[in-house]
């Protein structure tokens, strides 16, 4: 009996040793397969961290540039046309060449924020004023806005800073009349809204606030009618164009 118990214990001991040996083997096998992946994961995390640091630096730089530009606009009154800067060798950089001012004559006014320009070389382009949105033609004060723009720009020579093309093929641009930002003039006199969705320029926001407080243009018109002025983008949603 005692001999049989000893044999069973030895057998169970051999089984346990084999089990632990297999467990250790598979454990080391798993670690061996994971090690290369751990190295790649570490590389990925390190590169991601470096990229996030670069993005953070870029964001900090962009905000510093924005702050400097805002200060510059406040000191200059906010409506002067930008000077064309030079590189150290005297040549314009690529970005500055893209933003160079072009000259032309306004020959047609579509509404309070869209005109047609004939450039000095004879080419024609439709311009959409940057940073502002005029009342639609069917809106209250839409006709007044168009009339004001016609009186100020039609057949006049202007300088234009072309920024980008919108979905309708118009060049979204800043127009300078006698060296002054015409969008700011419209805001100061209450003929347009600050198009805040596409322009975060505080000079534009401040110009609209001054016109609103003084009851100029569309702001005074709305008060006189006892109604609240409706932004053009809201009006367009309520009255979509028929295709």
C-alpha atoms as a PDB file:
ATOM      1  CA  UNK A   1       0.000   0.000   0.000  1.00  0.00           C
ATOM      2  CA  UNK A   2       2.736   2.409   0.995  1.00  0.00           C
ATOM      3  CA  UNK A   3       4.734   1.505  -2.129  1.00  0.00           C
ATOM      4  CA  UNK A   4       1.688   2.233  -4.308  1.00  0.00           C
ATOM      5  CA  UNK A   5       1.197   5.639  -2.716  1.00  0.00           C
ATOM      6  CA  UNK A   6       4.806   6.543  -3.368  1.00  0.00           C
ATOM      7  CA  UNK A   7       4.486   5.568  -7.041  1.00  0.00           C
ATOM      8  CA  UNK A   8       1.369   7.708  -7.434  1.00  0.00           C
ATOM      9  CA  UNK A   9       3.091  10.684  -5.793  1.00  0.00           C
ATOM     10  CA  UNK A  10       6.113  10.321  -8.105  1.00  0.00           C
ATOM     11  CA  UNK A  11       3.789  10.082 -11.127  1.00  0.00           C
ATOM     12  CA  UNK A  12       1.852  13.175 -10.043  1.00  0.00           C
ATOM     13  CA  UNK A  13       5.109  15.021  -9.431  1.00  0.00           C
ATOM     14  CA  UNK A  14       6.337  14.180 -12.974  1.00  0.00           C
ATOM     15  CA  UNK A  15       3.029  15.406 -14.425  1.00  0.00           C
ATOM     16  CA  UNK A  16       3.269  18.686 -12.502  1.00  0.00           C
ATOM     17  CA  UNK A  17       6.880  19.217 -13.610  1.00  0.00           C
ATOM     18  CA  UNK A  18       5.913  18.628 -17.251  1.00  0.00           C
ATOM     19  CA  UNK A  19       2.972  21.019 -16.874  1.00  0.00           C
ATOM     20  CA  UNK A  20       5.135  23.780 -15.425  1.00  0.00           C
ATOM     21  CA  UNK A  21       7.820  23.142 -18.040  1.00  0.00           C
ATOM     22  CA  UNK A  22       5.222  23.566 -20.817  1.00  0.00           C
ATOM     23  CA  UNK A  23       3.856  26.688 -19.140  1.00  0.00           C
ATOM     24  CA  UNK A  24       7.322  28.241 -18.916  1.00  0.00           C
ATOM     25  CA  UNK A  25       8.040  27.288 -22.534  1.00  0.00           C
ATOM     26  CA  UNK A  26       4.882  28.949 -23.844  1.00  0.00           C
ATOM     27  CA  UNK A  27       5.497  31.966 -21.620  1.00  0.00           C
ATOM     28  CA  UNK A  28       8.951  32.560 -23.085  1.00  0.00           C
ATOM     29  CA  UNK A  29       7.624  31.869 -26.585  1.00  0.00           C
ATOM     30  CA  UNK A  30       4.977  34.569 -26.136  1.00  0.00           C
ATOM     31  CA  UNK A  31       7.525  37.043 -24.787  1.00  0.00           C
ATOM     32  CA  UNK A  32       9.842  36.315 -27.709  1.00  0.00           C
ATOM     33  CA  UNK A  33       7.051  37.056 -30.202  1.00  0.00           C
ATOM     34  CA  UNK A  34       5.933  40.219 -28.401  1.00  0.00           C
ATOM     35  CA  UNK A  35       9.382  41.810 -28.066  1.00  0.00           C
ATOM     36  CA  UNK A  36       9.658  43.017 -31.714  1.00  0.00           C
ATOM     37  CA  UNK A  37       6.169  44.547 -31.475  1.00  0.00           C
ATOM     38  CA  UNK A  38       7.085  46.287 -28.234  1.00  0.00           C
ATOM     39  CA  UNK A  39       9.990  47.906 -30.013  1.00  0.00           C
ATOM     40  CA  UNK A  40       7.735  49.123 -32.829  1.00  0.00           C
ATOM     41  CA  UNK A  41       5.150  50.374 -30.336  1.00  0.00           C
ATOM     42  CA  UNK A  42       7.840  52.293 -28.495  1.00  0.00           C
ATOM     43  CA  UNK A  43       9.044  53.852 -31.743  1.00  0.00           C
ATOM     44  CA  UNK A  44       5.478  54.810 -32.684  1.00  0.00           C
ATOM     45  CA  UNK A  45       4.826  56.411 -29.293  1.00  0.00           C
ATOM     46  CA  UNK A  46       8.088  58.337 -29.426  1.00  0.00           C
ATOM     47  CA  UNK A  47       7.408  59.646 -32.958  1.00  0.00           C
ATOM     48  CA  UNK A  48       3.835  60.552 -31.979  1.00  0.00           C
ATOM     49  CA  UNK A  49       5.087  62.505 -28.999  1.00  0.00           C
ATOM     50  CA  UNK A  50       7.579  64.398 -31.165  1.00  0.00           C
ATOM     51  CA  UNK A  51       4.840  65.217 -33.694  1.00  0.00           C
ATOM     52  CA  UNK A  52       2.516  66.480 -30.953  1.00  0.00           C
ATOM     53  CA  UNK A  53       5.294  68.717 -29.668  1.00  0.00           C
ATOM     54  CA  UNK A  54       5.781  70.117 -33.200  1.00  0.00           C
ATOM     55  CA  UNK A  55       2.045  70.753 -33.556  1.00  0.00           C
ATOM     56  CA  UNK A  56       1.973  72.464 -30.180  1.00  0.00           C
ATOM     57  CA  UNK A  57       4.881  74.681 -31.201  1.00  0.00           C
ATOM     58  CA  UNK A  58       3.144  75.566 -34.483  1.00  0.00           C
ATOM     59  CA  UNK A  59      -0.068  76.419 -32.633  1.00  0.00           C
ATOM     60  CA  UNK A  60       1.787  78.607 -30.170  1.00  0.00           C
ATOM     61  CA  UNK A  61       3.506  80.347 -33.065  1.00  0.00           C
ATOM     62  CA  UNK A  62       0.249  80.910 -34.939  1.00  0.00           C
ATOM     63  CA  UNK A  63      -1.369  82.459 -31.877  1.00  0.00           C
ATOM     64  CA  UNK A  64       1.643  84.711 -31.357  1.00  0.00           C
ATOM     65  CA  UNK A  65       1.440  85.813 -34.987  1.00  0.00           C
ATOM     66  CA  UNK A  66      -2.296  86.454 -34.620  1.00  0.00           C
ATOM     67  CA  UNK A  67      -1.694  88.574 -31.525  1.00  0.00           C
ATOM     68  CA  UNK A  68       1.039  90.587 -33.253  1.00  0.00           C
ATOM     69  CA  UNK A  69      -1.198  91.182 -36.273  1.00  0.00           C
ATOM     70  CA  UNK A  70      -4.074  92.297 -34.044  1.00  0.00           C
ATOM     71  CA  UNK A  71      -1.803  94.767 -32.235  1.00  0.00           C
ATOM     72  CA  UNK A  72      -0.544  96.060 -35.556  1.00  0.00           C
ATOM     73  CA  UNK A  73      -4.093  96.607 -36.809  1.00  0.00           C
ATOM     74  CA  UNK A  74      -5.077  98.483 -33.664  1.00  0.00           C
ATOM     75  CA  UNK A  75      -2.067 100.781 -33.944  1.00  0.00           C
ATOM     76  CA  UNK A  76      -2.737 101.529 -37.609  1.00  0.00           C
ATOM     77  CA  UNK A  77      -6.494 101.957 -37.205  1.00  0.00           C
ATOM     78  CA  UNK A  78      -7.227  98.472 -38.578  1.00  0.00           C
ATOM     79  CA  UNK A  79      -7.939  99.416 -42.207  1.00  0.00           C
ATOM     80  CA  UNK A  80      -4.612 100.127 -43.851  1.00  0.00           C
ATOM     81  CA  UNK A  81      -3.567  97.919 -46.727  1.00  0.00           C
ATOM     82  CA  UNK A  82      -0.702  95.507 -45.838  1.00  0.00           C
ATOM     83  CA  UNK A  83       2.805  96.475 -46.947  1.00  0.00           C
ATOM     84  CA  UNK A  84       4.521  94.132 -49.372  1.00  0.00           C
ATOM     85  CA  UNK A  85       7.626  92.905 -47.575  1.00  0.00           C
ATOM     86  CA  UNK A  86      10.874  91.729 -49.115  1.00  0.00           C
ATOM     87  CA  UNK A  87      13.294  88.915 -48.407  1.00  0.00           C
ATOM     88  CA  UNK A  88      16.848  89.688 -47.371  1.00  0.00           C
ATOM     89  CA  UNK A  89      17.825  89.582 -51.057  1.00  0.00           C
ATOM     90  CA  UNK A  90      15.095  92.065 -51.962  1.00  0.00           C
ATOM     91  CA  UNK A  91      12.810  89.550 -53.723  1.00  0.00           C
ATOM     92  CA  UNK A  92       9.278  88.716 -52.713  1.00  0.00           C
ATOM     93  CA  UNK A  93       8.824  85.314 -51.048  1.00  0.00           C
ATOM     94  CA  UNK A  94       6.418  82.758 -52.587  1.00  0.00           C
ATOM     95  CA  UNK A  95       3.716  83.446 -50.001  1.00  0.00           C
ATOM     96  CA  UNK A  96       4.099  87.198 -50.467  1.00  0.00           C
ATOM     97  CA  UNK A  97       3.865  86.879 -54.246  1.00  0.00           C
ATOM     98  CA  UNK A  98       0.621  84.927 -53.840  1.00  0.00           C
ATOM     99  CA  UNK A  99      -0.808  87.693 -51.664  1.00  0.00           C
ATOM    100  CA  UNK A 100       0.438  90.578 -53.850  1.00  0.00           C
ATOM    101  CA  UNK A 101      -2.104  93.298 -54.578  1.00  0.00           C
ATOM    102  CA  UNK A 102      -3.570  93.520 -58.077  1.00  0.00           C
ATOM    103  CA  UNK A 103      -5.104  96.632 -59.595  1.00  0.00           C
ATOM    104  CA  UNK A 104      -8.272  96.983 -61.610  1.00  0.00           C
ATOM    105  CA  UNK A 105     -11.553  98.797 -62.168  1.00  0.00           C
ATOM    106  CA  UNK A 106     -14.958  97.738 -60.841  1.00  0.00           C
ATOM    107  CA  UNK A 107     -17.375  97.578 -63.796  1.00  0.00           C
ATOM    108  CA  UNK A 108     -20.389  95.812 -62.246  1.00  0.00           C
ATOM    109  CA  UNK A 109     -21.975  95.509 -58.791  1.00  0.00           C
ATOM    110  CA  UNK A 110     -24.082  92.389 -58.149  1.00  0.00           C
ATOM    111  CA  UNK A 111     -25.073  93.127 -54.556  1.00  0.00           C
ATOM    112  CA  UNK A 112     -23.695  94.494 -51.309  1.00  0.00           C
ATOM    113  CA  UNK A 113     -20.732  92.109 -51.162  1.00  0.00           C
ATOM    114  CA  UNK A 114     -20.049  91.013 -54.757  1.00  0.00           C
ATOM    115  CA  UNK A 115     -18.581  92.996 -57.665  1.00  0.00           C
ATOM    116  CA  UNK A 116     -16.922  92.349 -61.028  1.00  0.00           C
ATOM    117  CA  UNK A 117     -13.382  93.615 -61.587  1.00  0.00           C
ATOM    118  CA  UNK A 118     -11.548  94.271 -64.851  1.00  0.00           C
ATOM    119  CA  UNK A 119      -7.826  94.003 -64.209  1.00  0.00           C
ATOM    120  CA  UNK A 120      -5.228  96.121 -65.969  1.00  0.00           C
ATOM    121  CA  UNK A 121      -4.360  93.229 -68.303  1.00  0.00           C
ATOM    122  CA  UNK A 122      -7.997  92.975 -69.442  1.00  0.00           C
ATOM    123  CA  UNK A 123      -8.964  89.880 -67.482  1.00  0.00           C
ATOM    124  CA  UNK A 124     -12.242  89.939 -65.593  1.00  0.00           C
ATOM    125  CA  UNK A 125     -12.966  88.310 -62.252  1.00  0.00           C
ATOM    126  CA  UNK A 126     -15.892  88.240 -59.841  1.00  0.00           C
ATOM    127  CA  UNK A 127     -14.954  89.283 -56.315  1.00  0.00           C
ATOM    128  CA  UNK A 128     -16.670  88.336 -53.064  1.00  0.00           C
ATOM    129  CA  UNK A 129     -15.750  90.720 -50.233  1.00  0.00           C
ATOM    130  CA  UNK A 130     -13.683  89.010 -47.544  1.00  0.00           C
ATOM    131  CA  UNK A 131     -14.933  88.985 -43.954  1.00  0.00           C
ATOM    132  CA  UNK A 132     -18.401  90.430 -44.511  1.00  0.00           C
ATOM    133  CA  UNK A 133     -21.867  89.270 -45.590  1.00  0.00           C
ATOM    134  CA  UNK A 134     -24.394  91.748 -47.021  1.00  0.00           C
ATOM    135  CA  UNK A 135     -28.174  91.405 -46.694  1.00  0.00           C
ATOM    136  CA  UNK A 136     -29.686  89.413 -49.550  1.00  0.00           C
ATOM    137  CA  UNK A 137     -31.418  91.387 -52.289  1.00  0.00           C
ATOM    138  CA  UNK A 138     -34.829  90.266 -50.985  1.00  0.00           C
ATOM    139  CA  UNK A 139     -33.903  91.151 -47.408  1.00  0.00           C
ATOM    140  CA  UNK A 140     -34.531  94.459 -45.705  1.00  0.00           C
ATOM    141  CA  UNK A 141     -31.652  96.834 -46.447  1.00  0.00           C
ATOM    142  CA  UNK A 142     -30.296  94.584 -49.234  1.00  0.00           C
ATOM    143  CA  UNK A 143     -31.079  97.222 -51.871  1.00  0.00           C
ATOM    144  CA  UNK A 144     -29.503  99.978 -49.795  1.00  0.00           C
ATOM    145  CA  UNK A 145     -26.307  97.954 -49.401  1.00  0.00           C
ATOM    146  CA  UNK A 146     -26.022  97.412 -53.167  1.00  0.00           C
ATOM    147  CA  UNK A 147     -26.713 101.090 -53.839  1.00  0.00           C
ATOM    148  CA  UNK A 148     -23.971 102.158 -51.426  1.00  0.00           C
ATOM    149  CA  UNK A 149     -21.407  99.793 -52.966  1.00  0.00           C
ATOM    150  CA  UNK A 150     -22.332 101.015 -56.469  1.00  0.00           C
ATOM    151  CA  UNK A 151     -21.886 104.627 -55.448  1.00  0.00           C
ATOM    152  CA  UNK A 152     -18.492 103.938 -53.887  1.00  0.00           C
ATOM    153  CA  UNK A 153     -16.926 101.393 -56.233  1.00  0.00           C
ATOM    154  CA  UNK A 154     -18.562 101.424 -59.664  1.00  0.00           C
ATOM    155  CA  UNK A 155     -16.061 102.623 -62.301  1.00  0.00           C
ATOM    156  CA  UNK A 156     -13.479 103.206 -59.545  1.00  0.00           C
ATOM    157  CA  UNK A 157      -9.888 102.000 -59.558  1.00  0.00           C
ATOM    158  CA  UNK A 158      -9.123  99.692 -56.639  1.00  0.00           C
ATOM    159  CA  UNK A 159      -6.443  97.367 -55.360  1.00  0.00           C
ATOM    160  CA  UNK A 160      -7.337  93.792 -54.489  1.00  0.00           C
ATOM    161  CA  UNK A 161      -5.826  91.153 -52.203  1.00  0.00           C
ATOM    162  CA  UNK A 162      -7.127  87.843 -53.587  1.00  0.00           C
ATOM    163  CA  UNK A 163      -7.300  85.206 -50.861  1.00  0.00           C
ATOM    164  CA  UNK A 164      -9.094  82.081 -52.169  1.00  0.00           C
ATOM    165  CA  UNK A 165     -11.964  80.972 -54.418  1.00  0.00           C
ATOM    166  CA  UNK A 166     -15.331  80.074 -52.911  1.00  0.00           C
ATOM    167  CA  UNK A 167     -17.687  77.289 -54.003  1.00  0.00           C
ATOM    168  CA  UNK A 168     -19.242  79.549 -56.652  1.00  0.00           C
ATOM    169  CA  UNK A 169     -15.925  80.359 -58.317  1.00  0.00           C
ATOM    170  CA  UNK A 170     -15.713  83.890 -56.910  1.00  0.00           C
ATOM    171  CA  UNK A 171     -12.419  85.201 -55.607  1.00  0.00           C
ATOM    172  CA  UNK A 172     -12.864  85.990 -51.912  1.00  0.00           C
ATOM    173  CA  UNK A 173     -10.832  89.179 -51.661  1.00  0.00           C
ATOM    174  CA  UNK A 174     -10.038  92.254 -49.633  1.00  0.00           C
ATOM    175  CA  UNK A 175     -10.672  95.386 -51.694  1.00  0.00           C
ATOM    176  CA  UNK A 176      -8.755  98.584 -50.990  1.00  0.00           C
ATOM    177  CA  UNK A 177     -10.290 101.878 -52.070  1.00  0.00           C
ATOM    178  CA  UNK A 178      -7.810 104.740 -51.769  1.00  0.00           C
ATOM    179  CA  UNK A 179      -5.651 102.430 -49.657  1.00  0.00           C
ATOM    180  CA  UNK A 180      -8.411 101.611 -47.149  1.00  0.00           C
ATOM    181  CA  UNK A 181     -10.096  98.251 -46.519  1.00  0.00           C
ATOM    182  CA  UNK A 182     -13.543  98.650 -48.101  1.00  0.00           C
ATOM    183  CA  UNK A 183     -15.056  95.800 -46.033  1.00  0.00           C
ATOM    184  CA  UNK A 184     -14.280  97.798 -42.886  1.00  0.00           C
ATOM    185  CA  UNK A 185     -15.957 100.847 -44.415  1.00  0.00           C
ATOM    186  CA  UNK A 186     -19.109  98.809 -45.031  1.00  0.00           C
ATOM    187  CA  UNK A 187     -19.050  97.508 -41.461  1.00  0.00           C
ATOM    188  CA  UNK A 188     -18.477 100.957 -39.984  1.00  0.00           C
ATOM    189  CA  UNK A 189     -21.544 102.275 -41.804  1.00  0.00           C
ATOM    190  CA  UNK A 190     -23.792  99.291 -41.061  1.00  0.00           C
ATOM    191  CA  UNK A 191     -24.258  97.979 -44.605  1.00  0.00           C
ATOM    192  CA  UNK A 192     -22.988  94.453 -43.948  1.00  0.00           C
ATOM    193  CA  UNK A 193     -22.537  91.876 -41.213  1.00  0.00           C
ATOM    194  CA  UNK A 194     -19.202  90.644 -39.925  1.00  0.00           C
ATOM    195  CA  UNK A 195     -18.949  87.144 -41.445  1.00  0.00           C
ATOM    196  CA  UNK A 196     -17.520  85.678 -38.260  1.00  0.00           C
ATOM    197  CA  UNK A 197     -17.702  82.079 -39.528  1.00  0.00           C
ATOM    198  CA  UNK A 198     -14.938  82.868 -42.033  1.00  0.00           C
ATOM    199  CA  UNK A 199     -13.121  85.817 -40.459  1.00  0.00           C
ATOM    200  CA  UNK A 200     -12.003  86.233 -36.830  1.00  0.00           C
ATOM    201  CA  UNK A 201     -10.434  89.665 -37.359  1.00  0.00           C
ATOM    202  CA  UNK A 202     -11.194  91.731 -34.257  1.00  0.00           C
ATOM    203  CA  UNK A 203     -11.013  94.952 -36.287  1.00  0.00           C
ATOM    204  CA  UNK A 204     -14.068  93.719 -38.203  1.00  0.00           C
ATOM    205  CA  UNK A 205     -15.899  92.687 -35.030  1.00  0.00           C
ATOM    206  CA  UNK A 206     -15.201  96.062 -33.405  1.00  0.00           C
ATOM    207  CA  UNK A 207     -16.362  97.973 -36.489  1.00  0.00           C
ATOM    208  CA  UNK A 208     -19.681  96.118 -36.447  1.00  0.00           C
ATOM    209  CA  UNK A 209     -20.106  96.766 -32.714  1.00  0.00           C
ATOM    210  CA  UNK A 210     -19.600 100.505 -33.221  1.00  0.00           C
ATOM    211  CA  UNK A 211     -22.131 100.640 -36.064  1.00  0.00           C
ATOM    212  CA  UNK A 212     -24.640  98.628 -34.053  1.00  0.00           C
ATOM    213  CA  UNK A 213     -24.329 100.867 -30.987  1.00  0.00           C
ATOM    214  CA  UNK A 214     -24.686 103.976 -33.156  1.00  0.00           C
ATOM    215  CA  UNK A 215     -27.716 102.542 -34.953  1.00  0.00           C
ATOM    216  CA  UNK A 216     -26.155 102.952 -38.386  1.00  0.00           C
ATOM    217  CA  UNK A 217     -27.395 101.327 -41.574  1.00  0.00           C
ATOM    218  CA  UNK A 218     -29.210  98.022 -41.222  1.00  0.00           C
ATOM    219  CA  UNK A 219     -29.078  98.265 -37.418  1.00  0.00           C
ATOM    220  CA  UNK A 220     -31.029 101.496 -37.336  1.00  0.00           C
ATOM    221  CA  UNK A 221     -33.364 100.213 -40.032  1.00  0.00           C
ATOM    222  CA  UNK A 222     -34.237  97.160 -37.944  1.00  0.00           C
ATOM    223  CA  UNK A 223     -34.867  99.285 -34.848  1.00  0.00           C
ATOM    224  CA  UNK A 224     -37.072 101.628 -36.860  1.00  0.00           C
ATOM    225  CA  UNK A 225     -39.204  98.714 -38.017  1.00  0.00           C
ATOM    226  CA  UNK A 226     -39.340  97.288 -34.517  1.00  0.00           C
ATOM    227  CA  UNK A 227     -37.704  94.064 -35.664  1.00  0.00           C
ATOM    228  CA  UNK A 228     -34.494  92.221 -35.014  1.00  0.00           C
ATOM    229  CA  UNK A 229     -31.944  92.244 -37.829  1.00  0.00           C
ATOM    230  CA  UNK A 230     -31.625  88.788 -39.396  1.00  0.00           C
ATOM    231  CA  UNK A 231     -28.125  87.663 -40.477  1.00  0.00           C
ATOM    232  CA  UNK A 232     -27.914  86.859 -44.213  1.00  0.00           C
ATOM    233  CA  UNK A 233     -26.714  83.300 -43.532  1.00  0.00           C
ATOM    234  CA  UNK A 234     -29.808  82.691 -41.404  1.00  0.00           C
ATOM    235  CA  UNK A 235     -32.034  84.233 -44.092  1.00  0.00           C
ATOM    236  CA  UNK A 236     -30.526  81.922 -46.732  1.00  0.00           C
ATOM    237  CA  UNK A 237     -31.326  78.874 -44.612  1.00  0.00           C
ATOM    238  CA  UNK A 238     -34.914  80.041 -44.189  1.00  0.00           C
ATOM    239  CA  UNK A 239     -35.252  80.913 -47.888  1.00  0.00           C
ATOM    240  CA  UNK A 240     -33.073  78.445 -49.883  1.00  0.00           C
ATOM    241  CA  UNK A 241     -32.536  79.161 -53.551  1.00  0.00           C
ATOM    242  CA  UNK A 242     -34.625  77.165 -55.959  1.00  0.00           C
ATOM    243  CA  UNK A 243     -32.484  75.017 -58.218  1.00  0.00           C
END
